[in-house]
Amino acid sequence: MIKIYHNPRCSKSRQTLEIIQNSGQQPEVVEYLKTPPTASELKELLQMLNLKPEQLLRIGEQLYKDKYKNEQLSDEELIQVMAENPVLIERPIVVKDNKAVLGRPPENVLDIL
């Protein structure tokens, strides 16, 4: 089973979903802004992605600039911030068989298809 944490308003997310569908697979689509991952789910995703929390953080978002840019937050605190503010999570994230990739660029998804 393949799962995509998707934002339909994001062109990279739409392109990644299209690559998956063109491969003949129908992924489980999680619109993470409507159904955000929990802190523990984010920890699992970070492990599968082999990323630190700050590498999954969208630092260009106004919310980040206004509220968190100058904060010294621990990994646990950053994960909690992303769980509470899913707009700050980089997208899309694609998961298959306990492996995950960030669809930036969308072609990254080919690594797990």
PDB file of N, CA and C in Angstrom:
ATOM      1  N   MET A   1       0.843  -1.192   0.000  1.00  0.00           N
ATOM      2  CA  MET A   1       0.000   0.000   0.000  1.00  0.00           C
ATOM      3  C   MET A   1       0.883   1.248   0.000  1.00  0.00           C
ATOM      4  N   ILE A   2       0.491   2.211  -0.772  1.00  0.00           N
ATOM      5  CA  ILE A   2       1.222   3.469  -0.857  1.00  0.00           C
ATOM      6  C   ILE A   2       0.326   4.590  -0.327  1.00  0.00           C
ATOM      7  N   LYS A   3       0.939   5.514   0.393  1.00  0.00           N
ATOM      8  CA  LYS A   3       0.197   6.614   1.005  1.00  0.00           C
ATOM      9  C   LYS A   3       0.905   7.913   0.659  1.00  0.00           C
ATOM     10  N   ILE A   4       0.118   8.947   0.368  1.00  0.00           N
ATOM     11  CA  ILE A   4       0.688  10.265   0.112  1.00  0.00           C
ATOM     12  C   ILE A   4       0.050  11.283   1.047  1.00  0.00           C
ATOM     13  N   TYR A   5       0.897  12.012   1.737  1.00  0.00           N
ATOM     14  CA  TYR A   5       0.446  13.159   2.534  1.00  0.00           C
ATOM     15  C   TYR A   5       0.425  14.321   1.551  1.00  0.00           C
ATOM     16  N   HIS A   6      -0.783  14.747   1.226  1.00  0.00           N
ATOM     17  CA  HIS A   6      -1.036  15.546   0.031  1.00  0.00           C
ATOM     18  C   HIS A   6      -1.693  16.873   0.368  1.00  0.00           C
ATOM     19  N   ASN A   7      -1.321  17.900  -0.398  1.00  0.00           N
ATOM     20  CA  ASN A   7      -2.009  19.184  -0.367  1.00  0.00           C
ATOM     21  C   ASN A   7      -2.431  19.473  -1.801  1.00  0.00           C
ATOM     22  N   PRO A   8      -3.729  19.383  -2.111  1.00  0.00           N
ATOM     23  CA  PRO A   8      -4.177  19.555  -3.492  1.00  0.00           C
ATOM     24  C   PRO A   8      -3.871  20.940  -4.064  1.00  0.00           C
ATOM     25  N   ARG A   9      -3.581  21.922  -3.222  1.00  0.00           N
ATOM     26  CA  ARG A   9      -3.275  23.264  -3.705  1.00  0.00           C
ATOM     27  C   ARG A   9      -1.801  23.408  -4.090  1.00  0.00           C
ATOM     28  N   CYS A  10      -0.995  22.402  -3.811  1.00  0.00           N
ATOM     29  CA  CYS A  10       0.446  22.448  -4.079  1.00  0.00           C
ATOM     30  C   CYS A  10       0.761  21.743  -5.396  1.00  0.00           C
ATOM     31  N   SER A  11       1.428  22.432  -6.308  1.00  0.00           N
ATOM     32  CA  SER A  11       1.726  21.841  -7.620  1.00  0.00           C
ATOM     33  C   SER A  11       2.660  20.641  -7.494  1.00  0.00           C
ATOM     34  N   LYS A  12       3.646  20.691  -6.605  1.00  0.00           N
ATOM     35  CA  LYS A  12       4.563  19.554  -6.427  1.00  0.00           C
ATOM     36  C   LYS A  12       3.804  18.339  -5.907  1.00  0.00           C
ATOM     37  N   SER A  13       2.865  18.577  -5.017  1.00  0.00           N
ATOM     38  CA  SER A  13       2.057  17.492  -4.464  1.00  0.00           C
ATOM     39  C   SER A  13       1.174  16.886  -5.556  1.00  0.00           C
ATOM     40  N   ARG A  14       0.563  17.727  -6.376  1.00  0.00           N
ATOM     41  CA  ARG A  14      -0.279  17.219  -7.474  1.00  0.00           C
ATOM     42  C   ARG A  14       0.562  16.434  -8.474  1.00  0.00           C
ATOM     43  N   GLN A  15       1.760  16.935  -8.803  1.00  0.00           N
ATOM     44  CA  GLN A  15       2.634  16.232  -9.748  1.00  0.00           C
ATOM     45  C   GLN A  15       3.061  14.873  -9.191  1.00  0.00           C
ATOM     46  N   THR A  16       3.374  14.834  -7.893  1.00  0.00           N
ATOM     47  CA  THR A  16       3.790  13.573  -7.269  1.00  0.00           C
ATOM     48  C   THR A  16       2.644  12.567  -7.295  1.00  0.00           C
ATOM     49  N   LEU A  17       1.442  13.007  -6.964  1.00  0.00           N
ATOM     50  CA  LEU A  17       0.266  12.131  -7.007  1.00  0.00           C
ATOM     51  C   LEU A  17       0.059  11.597  -8.429  1.00  0.00           C
ATOM     52  N   GLU A  18       0.238  12.442  -9.425  1.00  0.00           N
ATOM     53  CA  GLU A  18       0.073  12.020 -10.816  1.00  0.00           C
ATOM     54  C   GLU A  18       1.100  10.947 -11.201  1.00  0.00           C
ATOM     55  N   ILE A  19       2.345  11.104 -10.761  1.00  0.00           N
ATOM     56  CA  ILE A  19       3.374  10.096 -11.042  1.00  0.00           C
ATOM     57  C   ILE A  19       2.971   8.749 -10.443  1.00  0.00           C
ATOM     58  N   ILE A  20       2.464   8.782  -9.207  1.00  0.00           N
ATOM     59  CA  ILE A  20       2.038   7.539  -8.548  1.00  0.00           C
ATOM     60  C   ILE A  20       0.897   6.894  -9.339  1.00  0.00           C
ATOM     61  N   GLN A  21      -0.109   7.696  -9.668  1.00  0.00           N
ATOM     62  CA  GLN A  21      -1.270   7.165 -10.385  1.00  0.00           C
ATOM     63  C   GLN A  21      -0.874   6.654 -11.769  1.00  0.00           C
ATOM     64  N   ASN A  22       0.049   7.343 -12.450  1.00  0.00           N
ATOM     65  CA  ASN A  22       0.502   6.900 -13.774  1.00  0.00           C
ATOM     66  C   ASN A  22       1.291   5.597 -13.703  1.00  0.00           C
ATOM     67  N   SER A  23       1.781   5.256 -12.500  1.00  0.00           N
ATOM     68  CA  SER A  23       2.493   3.979 -12.340  1.00  0.00           C
ATOM     69  C   SER A  23       1.502   2.825 -12.153  1.00  0.00           C
ATOM     70  N   GLY A  24       0.202   3.157 -12.143  1.00  0.00           N
ATOM     71  CA  GLY A  24      -0.826   2.128 -12.017  1.00  0.00           C
ATOM     72  C   GLY A  24      -1.259   1.874 -10.584  1.00  0.00           C
ATOM     73  N   GLN A  25      -0.765   2.670  -9.647  1.00  0.00           N
ATOM     74  CA  GLN A  25      -1.124   2.473  -8.243  1.00  0.00           C
ATOM     75  C   GLN A  25      -2.128   3.536  -7.805  1.00  0.00           C
ATOM     76  N   GLN A  26      -3.007   3.120  -6.917  1.00  0.00           N
ATOM     77  CA  GLN A  26      -3.967   4.052  -6.340  1.00  0.00           C
ATOM     78  C   GLN A  26      -3.591   4.253  -4.874  1.00  0.00           C
ATOM     79  N   PRO A  27      -2.954   5.361  -4.560  1.00  0.00           N
ATOM     80  CA  PRO A  27      -2.507   5.574  -3.189  1.00  0.00           C
ATOM     81  C   PRO A  27      -3.646   5.976  -2.253  1.00  0.00           C
ATOM     82  N   GLU A  28      -3.402   5.747  -0.982  1.00  0.00           N
ATOM     83  CA  GLU A  28      -4.260   6.347   0.038  1.00  0.00           C
ATOM     84  C   GLU A  28      -3.841   7.807   0.109  1.00  0.00           C
ATOM     85  N   VAL A  29      -4.774   8.707  -0.104  1.00  0.00           N
ATOM     86  CA  VAL A  29      -4.464  10.133  -0.107  1.00  0.00           C
ATOM     87  C   VAL A  29      -4.887  10.729   1.226  1.00  0.00           C
ATOM     88  N   VAL A  30      -3.909  11.280   1.942  1.00  0.00           N
ATOM     89  CA  VAL A  30      -4.179  11.934   3.216  1.00  0.00           C
ATOM     90  C   VAL A  30      -3.987  13.430   3.010  1.00  0.00           C
ATOM     91  N   GLU A  31      -5.100  14.165   3.035  1.00  0.00           N
ATOM     92  CA  GLU A  31      -4.985  15.619   2.953  1.00  0.00           C
ATOM     93  C   GLU A  31      -4.595  16.101   4.347  1.00  0.00           C
ATOM     94  N   TYR A  32      -3.284  16.251   4.538  1.00  0.00           N
ATOM     95  CA  TYR A  32      -2.745  16.436   5.881  1.00  0.00           C
ATOM     96  C   TYR A  32      -3.128  17.769   6.512  1.00  0.00           C
ATOM     97  N   LEU A  33      -3.600  18.732   5.732  1.00  0.00           N
ATOM     98  CA  LEU A  33      -4.073  19.976   6.347  1.00  0.00           C
ATOM     99  C   LEU A  33      -5.428  19.753   7.018  1.00  0.00           C
ATOM    100  N   LYS A  34      -6.219  18.794   6.481  1.00  0.00           N
ATOM    101  CA  LYS A  34      -7.522  18.449   7.070  1.00  0.00           C
ATOM    102  C   LYS A  34      -7.362  17.375   8.143  1.00  0.00           C
ATOM    103  N   THR A  35      -6.438  16.444   7.925  1.00  0.00           N
ATOM    104  CA  THR A  35      -6.193  15.327   8.840  1.00  0.00           C
ATOM    105  C   THR A  35      -4.698  15.292   9.149  1.00  0.00           C
ATOM    106  N   PRO A  36      -4.242  16.164  10.059  1.00  0.00           N
ATOM    107  CA  PRO A  36      -2.800  16.244  10.309  1.00  0.00           C
ATOM    108  C   PRO A  36      -2.249  14.997  11.001  1.00  0.00           C
ATOM    109  N   PRO A  37      -1.010  14.652  10.676  1.00  0.00           N
ATOM    110  CA  PRO A  37      -0.378  13.550  11.396  1.00  0.00           C
ATOM    111  C   PRO A  37      -0.131  13.937  12.853  1.00  0.00           C
ATOM    112  N   THR A  38      -0.192  12.950  13.724  1.00  0.00           N
ATOM    113  CA  THR A  38       0.105  13.196  15.135  1.00  0.00           C
ATOM    114  C   THR A  38       1.616  13.357  15.304  1.00  0.00           C
ATOM    115  N   ALA A  39       2.016  13.781  16.481  1.00  0.00           N
ATOM    116  CA  ALA A  39       3.445  13.913  16.771  1.00  0.00           C
ATOM    117  C   ALA A  39       4.145  12.569  16.601  1.00  0.00           C
ATOM    118  N   SER A  40       3.511  11.481  17.057  1.00  0.00           N
ATOM    119  CA  SER A  40       4.161  10.176  16.928  1.00  0.00           C
ATOM    120  C   SER A  40       4.229   9.738  15.463  1.00  0.00           C
ATOM    121  N   GLU A  41       3.207  10.049  14.671  1.00  0.00           N
ATOM    122  CA  GLU A  41       3.267   9.750  13.234  1.00  0.00           C
ATOM    123  C   GLU A  41       4.383  10.550  12.565  1.00  0.00           C
ATOM    124  N   LEU A  42       4.528  11.810  12.964  1.00  0.00           N
ATOM    125  CA  LEU A  42       5.607  12.638  12.405  1.00  0.00           C
ATOM    126  C   LEU A  42       6.976  12.060  12.752  1.00  0.00           C
ATOM    127  N   LYS A  43       7.128  11.563  13.966  1.00  0.00           N
ATOM    128  CA  LYS A  43       8.402  10.938  14.359  1.00  0.00           C
ATOM    129  C   LYS A  43       8.704   9.748  13.461  1.00  0.00           C
ATOM    130  N   GLU A  44       7.689   8.913  13.205  1.00  0.00           N
ATOM    131  CA  GLU A  44       7.875   7.755  12.323  1.00  0.00           C
ATOM    132  C   GLU A  44       8.247   8.202  10.913  1.00  0.00           C
ATOM    133  N   LEU A  45       7.547   9.214  10.405  1.00  0.00           N
ATOM    134  CA  LEU A  45       7.848   9.723   9.067  1.00  0.00           C
ATOM    135  C   LEU A  45       9.272  10.252   8.989  1.00  0.00           C
ATOM    136  N   LEU A  46       9.681  10.993  10.007  1.00  0.00           N
ATOM    137  CA  LEU A  46      11.043  11.533  10.025  1.00  0.00           C
ATOM    138  C   LEU A  46      12.080  10.419  10.015  1.00  0.00           C
ATOM    139  N   GLN A  47      11.811   9.340  10.759  1.00  0.00           N
ATOM    140  CA  GLN A  47      12.733   8.198  10.760  1.00  0.00           C
ATOM    141  C   GLN A  47      12.814   7.567   9.377  1.00  0.00           C
ATOM    142  N   MET A  48      11.648   7.359   8.747  1.00  0.00           N
ATOM    143  CA  MET A  48      11.627   6.748   7.420  1.00  0.00           C
ATOM    144  C   MET A  48      12.306   7.642   6.383  1.00  0.00           C
ATOM    145  N   LEU A  49      12.150   8.959   6.551  1.00  0.00           N
ATOM    146  CA  LEU A  49      12.757   9.914   5.629  1.00  0.00           C
ATOM    147  C   LEU A  49      14.239  10.138   5.916  1.00  0.00           C
ATOM    148  N   ASN A  50      14.658   9.722   7.116  1.00  0.00           N
ATOM    149  CA  ASN A  50      16.026   9.968   7.581  1.00  0.00           C
ATOM    150  C   ASN A  50      16.325  11.469   7.598  1.00  0.00           C
ATOM    151  N   LEU A  51      15.369  12.224   8.162  1.00  0.00           N
ATOM    152  CA  LEU A  51      15.498  13.672   8.266  1.00  0.00           C
ATOM    153  C   LEU A  51      15.362  14.112   9.716  1.00  0.00           C
ATOM    154  N   LYS A  52      15.940  15.254  10.015  1.00  0.00           N
ATOM    155  CA  LYS A  52      15.745  15.912  11.307  1.00  0.00           C
ATOM    156  C   LYS A  52      14.485  16.776  11.185  1.00  0.00           C
ATOM    157  N   PRO A  53      13.805  17.067  12.298  1.00  0.00           N
ATOM    158  CA  PRO A  53      12.573  17.857  12.220  1.00  0.00           C
ATOM    159  C   PRO A  53      12.734  19.176  11.462  1.00  0.00           C
ATOM    160  N   GLU A  54      13.847  19.869  11.658  1.00  0.00           N
ATOM    161  CA  GLU A  54      14.006  21.161  10.977  1.00  0.00           C
ATOM    162  C   GLU A  54      14.102  21.005   9.455  1.00  0.00           C
ATOM    163  N   GLN A  55      14.434  19.802   8.975  1.00  0.00           N
ATOM    164  CA  GLN A  55      14.519  19.562   7.534  1.00  0.00           C
ATOM    165  C   GLN A  55      13.144  19.335   6.902  1.00  0.00           C
ATOM    166  N   LEU A  56      12.136  19.106   7.731  1.00  0.00           N
ATOM    167  CA  LEU A  56      10.772  18.890   7.249  1.00  0.00           C
ATOM    168  C   LEU A  56       9.907  20.130   7.466  1.00  0.00           C
ATOM    169  N   LEU A  57      10.500  21.159   7.999  1.00  0.00           N
ATOM    170  CA  LEU A  57       9.794  22.382   8.370  1.00  0.00           C
ATOM    171  C   LEU A  57       9.775  23.362   7.206  1.00  0.00           C
ATOM    172  N   ARG A  58       8.622  23.911   6.918  1.00  0.00           N
ATOM    173  CA  ARG A  58       8.487  24.920   5.855  1.00  0.00           C
ATOM    174  C   ARG A  58       8.798  26.292   6.447  1.00  0.00           C
ATOM    175  N   ILE A  59      10.054  26.678   6.355  1.00  0.00           N
ATOM    176  CA  ILE A  59      10.483  27.938   6.975  1.00  0.00           C
ATOM    177  C   ILE A  59      10.064  29.165   6.186  1.00  0.00           C
ATOM    178  N   GLY A  60       9.561  28.981   4.981  1.00  0.00           N
ATOM    179  CA  GLY A  60       9.079  30.111   4.180  1.00  0.00           C
ATOM    180  C   GLY A  60       7.665  30.537   4.530  1.00  0.00           C
ATOM    181  N   GLU A  61       6.973  29.715   5.308  1.00  0.00           N
ATOM    182  CA  GLU A  61       5.590  30.043   5.689  1.00  0.00           C
ATOM    183  C   GLU A  61       5.556  31.239   6.633  1.00  0.00           C
ATOM    184  N   GLN A  62       4.552  32.101   6.445  1.00  0.00           N
ATOM    185  CA  GLN A  62       4.424  33.296   7.278  1.00  0.00           C
ATOM    186  C   GLN A  62       4.294  32.942   8.758  1.00  0.00           C
ATOM    187  N   LEU A  63       3.554  31.880   9.064  1.00  0.00           N
ATOM    188  CA  LEU A  63       3.390  31.450  10.455  1.00  0.00           C
ATOM    189  C   LEU A  63       4.751  31.173  11.091  1.00  0.00           C
ATOM    190  N   TYR A  64       5.625  30.488  10.362  1.00  0.00           N
ATOM    191  CA  TYR A  64       6.961  30.196  10.890  1.00  0.00           C
ATOM    192  C   TYR A  64       7.722  31.495  11.127  1.00  0.00           C
ATOM    193  N   LYS A  65       7.712  32.389  10.147  1.00  0.00           N
ATOM    194  CA  LYS A  65       8.449  33.647  10.249  1.00  0.00           C
ATOM    195  C   LYS A  65       7.950  34.481  11.425  1.00  0.00           C
ATOM    196  N   ASP A  66       6.622  34.503  11.607  1.00  0.00           N
ATOM    197  CA  ASP A  66       6.024  35.334  12.652  1.00  0.00           C
ATOM    198  C   ASP A  66       6.206  34.762  14.052  1.00  0.00           C
ATOM    199  N   LYS A  67       6.166  33.435  14.164  1.00  0.00           N
ATOM    200  CA  LYS A  67       6.062  32.845  15.496  1.00  0.00           C
ATOM    201  C   LYS A  67       7.274  32.021  15.939  1.00  0.00           C
ATOM    202  N   TYR A  68       7.990  31.398  14.998  1.00  0.00           N
ATOM    203  CA  TYR A  68       9.001  30.415  15.408  1.00  0.00           C
ATOM    204  C   TYR A  68      10.420  30.701  14.934  1.00  0.00           C
ATOM    205  N   LYS A  69      10.589  31.643  14.007  1.00  0.00           N
ATOM    206  CA  LYS A  69      11.889  31.853  13.369  1.00  0.00           C
ATOM    207  C   LYS A  69      13.023  32.054  14.369  1.00  0.00           C
ATOM    208  N   ASN A  70      12.795  32.824  15.386  1.00  0.00           N
ATOM    209  CA  ASN A  70      13.866  33.138  16.334  1.00  0.00           C
ATOM    210  C   ASN A  70      13.816  32.309  17.611  1.00  0.00           C
ATOM    211  N   GLU A  71      12.990  31.271  17.605  1.00  0.00           N
ATOM    212  CA  GLU A  71      12.878  30.388  18.763  1.00  0.00           C
ATOM    213  C   GLU A  71      13.944  29.294  18.690  1.00  0.00           C
ATOM    214  N   GLN A  72      14.462  28.912  19.832  1.00  0.00           N
ATOM    215  CA  GLN A  72      15.386  27.776  19.913  1.00  0.00           C
ATOM    216  C   GLN A  72      14.578  26.577  20.402  1.00  0.00           C
ATOM    217  N   LEU A  73      14.066  25.786  19.471  1.00  0.00           N
ATOM    218  CA  LEU A  73      13.191  24.676  19.828  1.00  0.00           C
ATOM    219  C   LEU A  73      13.923  23.348  19.691  1.00  0.00           C
ATOM    220  N   SER A  74      13.626  22.435  20.610  1.00  0.00           N
ATOM    221  CA  SER A  74      14.189  21.085  20.551  1.00  0.00           C
ATOM    222  C   SER A  74      13.496  20.313  19.431  1.00  0.00           C
ATOM    223  N   ASP A  75      14.041  19.152  19.080  1.00  0.00           N
ATOM    224  CA  ASP A  75      13.400  18.305  18.069  1.00  0.00           C
ATOM    225  C   ASP A  75      11.969  17.968  18.479  1.00  0.00           C
ATOM    226  N   GLU A  76      11.787  17.610  19.751  1.00  0.00           N
ATOM    227  CA  GLU A  76      10.442  17.271  20.243  1.00  0.00           C
ATOM    228  C   GLU A  76       9.495  18.459  20.084  1.00  0.00           C
ATOM    229  N   GLU A  77       9.965  19.652  20.408  1.00  0.00           N
ATOM    230  CA  GLU A  77       9.122  20.847  20.293  1.00  0.00           C
ATOM    231  C   GLU A  77       8.792  21.141  18.829  1.00  0.00           C
ATOM    232  N   LEU A  78       9.761  20.973  17.940  1.00  0.00           N
ATOM    233  CA  LEU A  78       9.502  21.199  16.511  1.00  0.00           C
ATOM    234  C   LEU A  78       8.458  20.219  15.981  1.00  0.00           C
ATOM    235  N   ILE A  79       8.555  18.973  16.402  1.00  0.00           N
ATOM    236  CA  ILE A  79       7.577  17.964  15.982  1.00  0.00           C
ATOM    237  C   ILE A  79       6.194  18.361  16.474  1.00  0.00           C
ATOM    238  N   GLN A  80       6.099  18.812  17.705  1.00  0.00           N
ATOM    239  CA  GLN A  80       4.811  19.238  18.260  1.00  0.00           C
ATOM    240  C   GLN A  80       4.267  20.445  17.501  1.00  0.00           C
ATOM    241  N   VAL A  81       5.127  21.395  17.165  1.00  0.00           N
ATOM    242  CA  VAL A  81       4.716  22.578  16.400  1.00  0.00           C
ATOM    243  C   VAL A  81       4.137  22.147  15.051  1.00  0.00           C
ATOM    244  N   MET A  82       4.801  21.192  14.373  1.00  0.00           N
ATOM    245  CA  MET A  82       4.292  20.723  13.075  1.00  0.00           C
ATOM    246  C   MET A  82       2.975  19.967  13.235  1.00  0.00           C
ATOM    247  N   ALA A  83       2.841  19.183  14.302  1.00  0.00           N
ATOM    248  CA  ALA A  83       1.592  18.449  14.535  1.00  0.00           C
ATOM    249  C   ALA A  83       0.434  19.422  14.764  1.00  0.00           C
ATOM    250  N   GLU A  84       0.719  20.521  15.455  1.00  0.00           N
ATOM    251  CA  GLU A  84      -0.318  21.510  15.757  1.00  0.00           C
ATOM    252  C   GLU A  84      -0.554  22.480  14.607  1.00  0.00           C
ATOM    253  N   ASN A  85       0.428  22.615  13.721  1.00  0.00           N
ATOM    254  CA  ASN A  85       0.360  23.555  12.596  1.00  0.00           C
ATOM    255  C   ASN A  85       0.799  22.838  11.318  1.00  0.00           C
ATOM    256  N   PRO A  86      -0.049  21.963  10.770  1.00  0.00           N
ATOM    257  CA  PRO A  86       0.386  21.136   9.639  1.00  0.00           C
ATOM    258  C   PRO A  86       0.814  21.928   8.408  1.00  0.00           C
ATOM    259  N   VAL A  87       0.423  23.205   8.315  1.00  0.00           N
ATOM    260  CA  VAL A  87       0.869  24.032   7.194  1.00  0.00           C
ATOM    261  C   VAL A  87       2.399  24.148   7.178  1.00  0.00           C
ATOM    262  N   LEU A  88       3.038  23.879   8.313  1.00  0.00           N
ATOM    263  CA  LEU A  88       4.492  23.972   8.417  1.00  0.00           C
ATOM    264  C   LEU A  88       5.216  22.691   7.995  1.00  0.00           C
ATOM    265  N   ILE A  89       4.469  21.654   7.597  1.00  0.00           N
ATOM    266  CA  ILE A  89       5.078  20.391   7.181  1.00  0.00           C
ATOM    267  C   ILE A  89       5.354  20.435   5.676  1.00  0.00           C
ATOM    268  N   GLU A  90       6.592  20.130   5.304  1.00  0.00           N
ATOM    269  CA  GLU A  90       6.951  20.069   3.885  1.00  0.00           C
ATOM    270  C   GLU A  90       6.158  18.959   3.221  1.00  0.00           C
ATOM    271  N   ARG A  91       5.813  19.163   1.964  1.00  0.00           N
ATOM    272  CA  ARG A  91       4.992  18.195   1.254  1.00  0.00           C
ATOM    273  C   ARG A  91       5.469  18.054  -0.164  1.00  0.00           C
ATOM    274  N   PRO A  92       5.002  16.986  -0.791  1.00  0.00           N
ATOM    275  CA  PRO A  92       4.272  15.839  -0.263  1.00  0.00           C
ATOM    276  C   PRO A  92       5.225  14.790   0.311  1.00  0.00           C
ATOM    277  N   ILE A  93       4.707  13.975   1.190  1.00  0.00           N
ATOM    278  CA  ILE A  93       5.453  12.841   1.725  1.00  0.00           C
ATOM    279  C   ILE A  93       4.756  11.583   1.222  1.00  0.00           C
ATOM    280  N   VAL A  94       5.549  10.680   0.658  1.00  0.00           N
ATOM    281  CA  VAL A  94       5.004   9.430   0.127  1.00  0.00           C
ATOM    282  C   VAL A  94       5.610   8.274   0.905  1.00  0.00           C
ATOM    283  N   VAL A  95       4.744   7.348   1.353  1.00  0.00           N
ATOM    284  CA  VAL A  95       5.175   6.215   2.165  1.00  0.00           C
ATOM    285  C   VAL A  95       4.759   4.917   1.475  1.00  0.00           C
ATOM    286  N   LYS A  96       5.707   3.980   1.434  1.00  0.00           N
ATOM    287  CA  LYS A  96       5.413   2.642   0.909  1.00  0.00           C
ATOM    288  C   LYS A  96       6.357   1.658   1.590  1.00  0.00           C
ATOM    289  N   ASP A  97       5.799   0.593   2.153  1.00  0.00           N
ATOM    290  CA  ASP A  97       6.605  -0.482   2.760  1.00  0.00           C
ATOM    291  C   ASP A  97       7.659   0.034   3.742  1.00  0.00           C
ATOM    292  N   ASN A  98       7.246   0.852   4.672  1.00  0.00           N
ATOM    293  CA  ASN A  98       8.143   1.397   5.704  1.00  0.00           C
ATOM    294  C   ASN A  98       9.293   2.226   5.135  1.00  0.00           C
ATOM    295  N   LYS A  99       9.108   2.729   3.929  1.00  0.00           N
ATOM    296  CA  LYS A  99      10.053   3.664   3.329  1.00  0.00           C
ATOM    297  C   LYS A  99       9.276   4.919   2.989  1.00  0.00           C
ATOM    298  N   ALA A 100       9.964   6.054   3.015  1.00  0.00           N
ATOM    299  CA  ALA A 100       9.293   7.307   2.689  1.00  0.00           C
ATOM    300  C   ALA A 100      10.227   8.196   1.892  1.00  0.00           C
ATOM    301  N   VAL A 101       9.630   9.029   1.049  1.00  0.00           N
ATOM    302  CA  VAL A 101      10.378  10.044   0.316  1.00  0.00           C
ATOM    303  C   VAL A 101       9.587  11.341   0.335  1.00  0.00           C
ATOM    304  N   LEU A 102      10.315  12.422   0.202  1.00  0.00           N
ATOM    305  CA  LEU A 102       9.724  13.737   0.078  1.00  0.00           C
ATOM    306  C   LEU A 102       9.644  14.036  -1.416  1.00  0.00           C
ATOM    307  N   GLY A 103       8.474  14.367  -1.893  1.00  0.00           N
ATOM    308  CA  GLY A 103       8.271  14.597  -3.318  1.00  0.00           C
ATOM    309  C   GLY A 103       8.752  15.960  -3.784  1.00  0.00           C
ATOM    310  N   ARG A 104       9.965  16.291  -3.447  1.00  0.00           N
ATOM    311  CA  ARG A 104      10.605  17.538  -3.889  1.00  0.00           C
ATOM    312  C   ARG A 104      11.990  17.196  -4.362  1.00  0.00           C
ATOM    313  N   PRO A 105      12.196  17.013  -5.634  1.00  0.00           N
ATOM    314  CA  PRO A 105      11.224  17.139  -6.716  1.00  0.00           C
ATOM    315  C   PRO A 105      10.302  15.925  -6.786  1.00  0.00           C
ATOM    316  N   PRO A 106       9.177  16.050  -7.491  1.00  0.00           N
ATOM    317  CA  PRO A 106       8.215  14.951  -7.565  1.00  0.00           C
ATOM    318  C   PRO A 106       8.831  13.628  -8.016  1.00  0.00           C
ATOM    319  N   GLU A 107       9.859  13.678  -8.847  1.00  0.00           N
ATOM    320  CA  GLU A 107      10.494  12.458  -9.351  1.00  0.00           C
ATOM    321  C   GLU A 107      11.115  11.612  -8.236  1.00  0.00           C
ATOM    322  N   ASN A 108      11.322  12.174  -7.075  1.00  0.00           N
ATOM    323  CA  ASN A 108      11.851  11.391  -5.941  1.00  0.00           C
ATOM    324  C   ASN A 108      10.986  10.183  -5.647  1.00  0.00           C
ATOM    325  N   VAL A 109       9.685  10.288  -5.939  1.00  0.00           N
ATOM    326  CA  VAL A 109       8.766   9.188  -5.630  1.00  0.00           C
ATOM    327  C   VAL A 109       9.120   7.931  -6.429  1.00  0.00           C
ATOM    328  N   LEU A 110       9.787   8.088  -7.555  1.00  0.00           N
ATOM    329  CA  LEU A 110      10.168   6.928  -8.369  1.00  0.00           C
ATOM    330  C   LEU A 110      11.065   5.978  -7.591  1.00  0.00           C
ATOM    331  N   ASP A 111      11.788   6.503  -6.603  1.00  0.00           N
ATOM    332  CA  ASP A 111      12.699   5.671  -5.794  1.00  0.00           C
ATOM    333  C   ASP A 111      11.976   4.589  -5.000  1.00  0.00           C
ATOM    334  N   ILE A 112      10.695   4.810  -4.683  1.00  0.00           N
ATOM    335  CA  ILE A 112       9.997   3.791  -3.892  1.00  0.00           C
ATOM    336  C   ILE A 112       8.863   3.102  -4.651  1.00  0.00           C
ATOM    337  N   LEU A 113       8.639   3.531  -5.885  1.00  0.00           N
ATOM    338  CA  LEU A 113       7.600   2.855  -6.681  1.00  0.00           C
ATOM    339  C   LEU A 113       8.174   1.577  -7.227  1.00  0.00           C
TER     340      LEU A 113
END
